[in-house]
Amino acid sequence: MGAGDYGAQAAAALIMTAPLVILVLFFQRRIVSGLTAGATTG
């Protein structure tokens, strides 16, 4: 990749970060539900 090839760099960054964002959004619900369940039972 050249220094001026911002399109390819942006595409690569999007491909790298998209699965991480999806995982965080998916597990965020489980983490929050687990934390609230543990907080309310105690």
PDB file of N, CA and C in Angstrom:
ATOM      1  N   MET A   1       0.844  -1.200   0.000  1.00  0.00           N
ATOM      2  CA  MET A   1       0.000   0.000   0.000  1.00  0.00           C
ATOM      3  C   MET A   1       0.870   1.237   0.000  1.00  0.00           C
ATOM      4  N   GLY A   2       0.543   2.127  -0.890  1.00  0.00           N
ATOM      5  CA  GLY A   2       1.284   3.377  -0.934  1.00  0.00           C
ATOM      6  C   GLY A   2       0.808   4.333   0.140  1.00  0.00           C
ATOM      7  N   ALA A   3       1.609   5.363   0.382  1.00  0.00           N
ATOM      8  CA  ALA A   3       1.272   6.330   1.424  1.00  0.00           C
ATOM      9  C   ALA A   3       0.034   7.137   1.049  1.00  0.00           C
ATOM     10  N   GLY A   4      -0.237   7.274  -0.253  1.00  0.00           N
ATOM     11  CA  GLY A   4      -1.377   8.064  -0.676  1.00  0.00           C
ATOM     12  C   GLY A   4      -2.610   7.234  -0.979  1.00  0.00           C
ATOM     13  N   ASP A   5      -2.553   5.931  -0.741  1.00  0.00           N
ATOM     14  CA  ASP A   5      -3.670   5.043  -1.049  1.00  0.00           C
ATOM     15  C   ASP A   5      -4.628   4.988   0.136  1.00  0.00           C
ATOM     16  N   TYR A   6      -5.307   6.113   0.369  1.00  0.00           N
ATOM     17  CA  TYR A   6      -6.164   6.200   1.547  1.00  0.00           C
ATOM     18  C   TYR A   6      -7.419   5.340   1.403  1.00  0.00           C
ATOM     19  N   GLY A   7      -7.864   5.103   0.187  1.00  0.00           N
ATOM     20  CA  GLY A   7      -9.048   4.278  -0.003  1.00  0.00           C
ATOM     21  C   GLY A   7      -8.819   2.858   0.476  1.00  0.00           C
ATOM     22  N   ALA A   8      -7.671   2.277   0.097  1.00  0.00           N
ATOM     23  CA  ALA A   8      -7.370   0.914   0.521  1.00  0.00           C
ATOM     24  C   ALA A   8      -7.124   0.866   2.025  1.00  0.00           C
ATOM     25  N   GLN A   9      -6.494   1.891   2.581  1.00  0.00           N
ATOM     26  CA  GLN A   9      -6.255   1.912   4.024  1.00  0.00           C
ATOM     27  C   GLN A   9      -7.585   2.012   4.775  1.00  0.00           C
ATOM     28  N   ALA A  10      -8.495   2.828   4.282  1.00  0.00           N
ATOM     29  CA  ALA A  10      -9.798   2.953   4.928  1.00  0.00           C
ATOM     30  C   ALA A  10     -10.574   1.645   4.833  1.00  0.00           C
ATOM     31  N   ALA A  11     -10.505   0.984   3.686  1.00  0.00           N
ATOM     32  CA  ALA A  11     -11.201  -0.286   3.525  1.00  0.00           C
ATOM     33  C   ALA A  11     -10.609  -1.341   4.456  1.00  0.00           C
ATOM     34  N   ALA A  12      -9.300  -1.389   4.553  1.00  0.00           N
ATOM     35  CA  ALA A  12      -8.662  -2.358   5.442  1.00  0.00           C
ATOM     36  C   ALA A  12      -9.020  -2.074   6.894  1.00  0.00           C
ATOM     37  N   ALA A  13      -9.027  -0.813   7.284  1.00  0.00           N
ATOM     38  CA  ALA A  13      -9.379  -0.466   8.663  1.00  0.00           C
ATOM     39  C   ALA A  13     -10.825  -0.848   8.951  1.00  0.00           C
ATOM     40  N   LEU A  14     -11.714  -0.635   8.002  1.00  0.00           N
ATOM     41  CA  LEU A  14     -13.120  -0.981   8.193  1.00  0.00           C
ATOM     42  C   LEU A  14     -13.291  -2.487   8.323  1.00  0.00           C
ATOM     43  N   ILE A  15     -12.558  -3.241   7.470  1.00  0.00           N
ATOM     44  CA  ILE A  15     -12.653  -4.699   7.524  1.00  0.00           C
ATOM     45  C   ILE A  15     -12.107  -5.225   8.846  1.00  0.00           C
ATOM     46  N   MET A  16     -11.080  -4.555   9.377  1.00  0.00           N
ATOM     47  CA  MET A  16     -10.495  -5.011  10.637  1.00  0.00           C
ATOM     48  C   MET A  16     -11.376  -4.662  11.827  1.00  0.00           C
ATOM     49  N   THR A  17     -12.016  -3.511  11.808  1.00  0.00           N
ATOM     50  CA  THR A  17     -12.752  -3.050  12.985  1.00  0.00           C
ATOM     51  C   THR A  17     -14.213  -3.492  12.989  1.00  0.00           C
ATOM     52  N   ALA A  18     -14.802  -3.763  11.836  1.00  0.00           N
ATOM     53  CA  ALA A  18     -16.218  -4.122  11.781  1.00  0.00           C
ATOM     54  C   ALA A  18     -16.530  -5.361  12.625  1.00  0.00           C
ATOM     55  N   PRO A  19     -15.790  -6.458  12.520  1.00  0.00           N
ATOM     56  CA  PRO A  19     -16.111  -7.621  13.368  1.00  0.00           C
ATOM     57  C   PRO A  19     -15.961  -7.322  14.853  1.00  0.00           C
ATOM     58  N   LEU A  20     -14.982  -6.501  15.214  1.00  0.00           N
ATOM     59  CA  LEU A  20     -14.815  -6.159  16.623  1.00  0.00           C
ATOM     60  C   LEU A  20     -16.006  -5.371  17.136  1.00  0.00           C
ATOM     61  N   VAL A  21     -16.474  -4.418  16.339  1.00  0.00           N
ATOM     62  CA  VAL A  21     -17.636  -3.624  16.754  1.00  0.00           C
ATOM     63  C   VAL A  21     -18.857  -4.517  16.888  1.00  0.00           C
ATOM     64  N   ILE A  22     -19.025  -5.440  15.952  1.00  0.00           N
ATOM     65  CA  ILE A  22     -20.183  -6.340  16.011  1.00  0.00           C
ATOM     66  C   ILE A  22     -20.099  -7.222  17.250  1.00  0.00           C
ATOM     67  N   LEU A  23     -18.912  -7.733  17.569  1.00  0.00           N
ATOM     68  CA  LEU A  23     -18.760  -8.563  18.765  1.00  0.00           C
ATOM     69  C   LEU A  23     -19.053  -7.765  20.020  1.00  0.00           C
ATOM     70  N   VAL A  24     -18.550  -6.555  20.099  1.00  0.00           N
ATOM     71  CA  VAL A  24     -18.787  -5.727  21.292  1.00  0.00           C
ATOM     72  C   VAL A  24     -20.279  -5.453  21.444  1.00  0.00           C
ATOM     73  N   LEU A  25     -20.955  -5.091  20.351  1.00  0.00           N
ATOM     74  CA  LEU A  25     -22.389  -4.821  20.430  1.00  0.00           C
ATOM     75  C   LEU A  25     -23.165  -6.077  20.806  1.00  0.00           C
ATOM     76  N   PHE A  26     -22.703  -7.236  20.325  1.00  0.00           N
ATOM     77  CA  PHE A  26     -23.399  -8.482  20.633  1.00  0.00           C
ATOM     78  C   PHE A  26     -23.205  -8.860  22.098  1.00  0.00           C
ATOM     79  N   PHE A  27     -21.973  -8.782  22.585  1.00  0.00           N
ATOM     80  CA  PHE A  27     -21.696  -9.197  23.953  1.00  0.00           C
ATOM     81  C   PHE A  27     -22.055  -8.122  24.971  1.00  0.00           C
ATOM     82  N   GLN A  28     -22.251  -6.891  24.525  1.00  0.00           N
ATOM     83  CA  GLN A  28     -22.591  -5.827  25.464  1.00  0.00           C
ATOM     84  C   GLN A  28     -23.918  -6.130  26.147  1.00  0.00           C
ATOM     85  N   ARG A  29     -24.860  -6.642  25.392  1.00  0.00           N
ATOM     86  CA  ARG A  29     -26.152  -6.976  25.986  1.00  0.00           C
ATOM     87  C   ARG A  29     -25.986  -8.065  27.033  1.00  0.00           C
ATOM     88  N   ARG A  30     -25.169  -9.083  26.738  1.00  0.00           N
ATOM     89  CA  ARG A  30     -24.993 -10.180  27.684  1.00  0.00           C
ATOM     90  C   ARG A  30     -24.234  -9.705  28.917  1.00  0.00           C
ATOM     91  N   ILE A  31     -23.248  -8.837  28.709  1.00  0.00           N
ATOM     92  CA  ILE A  31     -22.474  -8.337  29.846  1.00  0.00           C
ATOM     93  C   ILE A  31     -23.361  -7.474  30.734  1.00  0.00           C
ATOM     94  N   VAL A  32     -24.107  -6.565  30.127  1.00  0.00           N
ATOM     95  CA  VAL A  32     -24.960  -5.682  30.916  1.00  0.00           C
ATOM     96  C   VAL A  32     -26.041  -6.486  31.628  1.00  0.00           C
ATOM     97  N   SER A  33     -26.633  -7.462  30.944  1.00  0.00           N
ATOM     98  CA  SER A  33     -27.671  -8.263  31.596  1.00  0.00           C
ATOM     99  C   SER A  33     -27.083  -9.081  32.722  1.00  0.00           C
ATOM    100  N   GLY A  34     -25.866  -9.569  32.551  1.00  0.00           N
ATOM    101  CA  GLY A  34     -25.224 -10.322  33.622  1.00  0.00           C
ATOM    102  C   GLY A  34     -24.896  -9.441  34.809  1.00  0.00           C
ATOM    103  N   LEU A  35     -24.435  -8.238  34.552  1.00  0.00           N
ATOM    104  CA  LEU A  35     -24.107  -7.332  35.649  1.00  0.00           C
ATOM    105  C   LEU A  35     -25.366  -6.911  36.401  1.00  0.00           C
ATOM    106  N   THR A  36     -26.414  -6.591  35.671  1.00  0.00           N
ATOM    107  CA  THR A  36     -27.642  -6.158  36.355  1.00  0.00           C
ATOM    108  C   THR A  36     -28.274  -7.327  37.102  1.00  0.00           C
ATOM    109  N   ALA A  37     -28.189  -8.536  36.556  1.00  0.00           N
ATOM    110  CA  ALA A  37     -28.753  -9.692  37.254  1.00  0.00           C
ATOM    111  C   ALA A  37     -27.977  -9.948  38.543  1.00  0.00           C
ATOM    112  N   GLY A  38     -26.652  -9.827  38.485  1.00  0.00           N
ATOM    113  CA  GLY A  38     -25.857 -10.032  39.689  1.00  0.00           C
ATOM    114  C   GLY A  38     -26.067  -8.924  40.714  1.00  0.00           C
ATOM    115  N   ALA A  39     -26.335  -7.723  40.243  1.00  0.00           N
ATOM    116  CA  ALA A  39     -26.511  -6.601  41.176  1.00  0.00           C
ATOM    117  C   ALA A  39     -27.861  -6.677  41.864  1.00  0.00           C
ATOM    118  N   THR A  40     -28.868  -7.151  41.150  1.00  0.00           N
ATOM    119  CA  THR A  40     -30.202  -7.164  41.743  1.00  0.00           C
ATOM    120  C   THR A  40     -30.400  -8.352  42.682  1.00  0.00           C
ATOM    121  N   THR A  41     -29.659  -9.450  42.465  1.00  0.00           N
ATOM    122  CA  THR A  41     -29.843 -10.612  43.339  1.00  0.00           C
ATOM    123  C   THR A  41     -29.135 -10.420  44.672  1.00  0.00           C
ATOM    124  N   GLY A  42     -28.091  -9.615  44.691  1.00  0.00           N
ATOM    125  CA  GLY A  42     -27.323  -9.430  45.918  1.00  0.00           C
ATOM    126  C   GLY A  42     -27.958  -8.408  46.795  1.00  0.00           C
TER     127      GLY A  42
END
